[in-house]
């Protein structure tokens, strides 16, 4: 982003607007994914399984 600003390819307002729009889209996508697919974190069973595998390889 800084290079585009330095080369006068975009106005600062354009970059700020694009960043804010991207942020809104990411928040919206994450919210919809959590609503439709459930939480975006691993379950305790998955965490325990990964810990067991790591301990077994040491």
C-alpha atoms as a PDB file:
ATOM      1  CA  UNK A   1       0.000   0.000   0.000  1.00  0.00           C
ATOM      2  CA  UNK A   2       2.762   2.428   0.845  1.00  0.00           C
ATOM      3  CA  UNK A   3       4.408   1.929  -2.546  1.00  0.00           C
ATOM      4  CA  UNK A   4       1.188   2.836  -4.373  1.00  0.00           C
ATOM      5  CA  UNK A   5       0.883   5.961  -2.267  1.00  0.00           C
ATOM      6  CA  UNK A   6       4.549   6.882  -2.783  1.00  0.00           C
ATOM      7  CA  UNK A   7       4.239   6.432  -6.555  1.00  0.00           C
ATOM      8  CA  UNK A   8       1.084   8.588  -6.593  1.00  0.00           C
ATOM      9  CA  UNK A   9      -0.952   5.704  -8.012  1.00  0.00           C
ATOM     10  CA  UNK A  10      -3.704   6.190  -5.414  1.00  0.00           C
ATOM     11  CA  UNK A  11      -4.974   8.880  -3.113  1.00  0.00           C
ATOM     12  CA  UNK A  12      -4.793   8.176   0.642  1.00  0.00           C
ATOM     13  CA  UNK A  13      -8.594   8.210   0.778  1.00  0.00           C
ATOM     14  CA  UNK A  14      -8.703   5.375  -1.785  1.00  0.00           C
ATOM     15  CA  UNK A  15      -6.358   3.206   0.276  1.00  0.00           C
ATOM     16  CA  UNK A  16      -8.212   3.858   3.532  1.00  0.00           C
ATOM     17  CA  UNK A  17     -11.554   3.100   1.881  1.00  0.00           C
ATOM     18  CA  UNK A  18     -10.257  -0.143   0.356  1.00  0.00           C
ATOM     19  CA  UNK A  19      -8.805  -1.234   3.693  1.00  0.00           C
ATOM     20  CA  UNK A  20     -12.059  -0.541   5.533  1.00  0.00           C
ATOM     21  CA  UNK A  21     -14.118  -2.324   2.882  1.00  0.00           C
ATOM     22  CA  UNK A  22     -11.818  -5.343   3.093  1.00  0.00           C
ATOM     23  CA  UNK A  23     -12.121  -5.396   6.877  1.00  0.00           C
ATOM     24  CA  UNK A  24     -15.922  -5.272   6.672  1.00  0.00           C
ATOM     25  CA  UNK A  25     -15.988  -8.134   4.156  1.00  0.00           C
ATOM     26  CA  UNK A  26     -13.692 -10.298   6.314  1.00  0.00           C
ATOM     27  CA  UNK A  27     -15.803  -9.694   9.422  1.00  0.00           C
ATOM     28  CA  UNK A  28     -18.977 -10.463   7.477  1.00  0.00           C
ATOM     29  CA  UNK A  29     -17.500 -13.654   5.994  1.00  0.00           C
ATOM     30  CA  UNK A  30     -16.272 -14.875   9.397  1.00  0.00           C
ATOM     31  CA  UNK A  31     -19.617 -14.111  11.017  1.00  0.00           C
ATOM     32  CA  UNK A  32     -21.537 -15.995   8.336  1.00  0.00           C
ATOM     33  CA  UNK A  33     -19.114 -18.929   8.442  1.00  0.00           C
ATOM     34  CA  UNK A  34     -19.519 -19.211  12.213  1.00  0.00           C
ATOM     35  CA  UNK A  35     -23.294 -19.006  11.936  1.00  0.00           C
ATOM     36  CA  UNK A  36     -23.532 -21.659   9.207  1.00  0.00           C
ATOM     37  CA  UNK A  37     -20.612 -23.963  10.073  1.00  0.00           C
ATOM     38  CA  UNK A  38     -20.167 -23.478  13.804  1.00  0.00           C
ATOM     39  CA  UNK A  39     -17.219 -22.003  15.671  1.00  0.00           C
ATOM     40  CA  UNK A  40     -13.976 -21.455  13.797  1.00  0.00           C
ATOM     41  CA  UNK A  41     -11.911 -22.898  16.653  1.00  0.00           C
ATOM     42  CA  UNK A  42     -10.842 -26.470  17.253  1.00  0.00           C
ATOM     43  CA  UNK A  43     -12.812 -28.586  19.682  1.00  0.00           C
ATOM     44  CA  UNK A  44     -11.148 -29.726  22.943  1.00  0.00           C
ATOM     45  CA  UNK A  45     -10.980 -33.275  21.543  1.00  0.00           C
ATOM     46  CA  UNK A  46      -9.030 -32.070  18.496  1.00  0.00           C
ATOM     47  CA  UNK A  47      -6.646 -30.087  20.685  1.00  0.00           C
ATOM     48  CA  UNK A  48      -6.089 -33.093  22.954  1.00  0.00           C
ATOM     49  CA  UNK A  49      -5.482 -35.341  19.947  1.00  0.00           C
ATOM     50  CA  UNK A  50      -2.892 -32.919  18.525  1.00  0.00           C
ATOM     51  CA  UNK A  51      -1.147 -32.675  21.905  1.00  0.00           C
ATOM     52  CA  UNK A  52      -0.994 -36.471  22.138  1.00  0.00           C
ATOM     53  CA  UNK A  53       0.539 -36.722  18.671  1.00  0.00           C
ATOM     54  CA  UNK A  54       3.162 -34.070  19.497  1.00  0.00           C
ATOM     55  CA  UNK A  55       4.107 -35.849  22.726  1.00  0.00           C
ATOM     56  CA  UNK A  56       4.442 -39.144  20.888  1.00  0.00           C
ATOM     57  CA  UNK A  57       6.953 -37.703  18.413  1.00  0.00           C
ATOM     58  CA  UNK A  58       9.298 -36.249  21.045  1.00  0.00           C
END
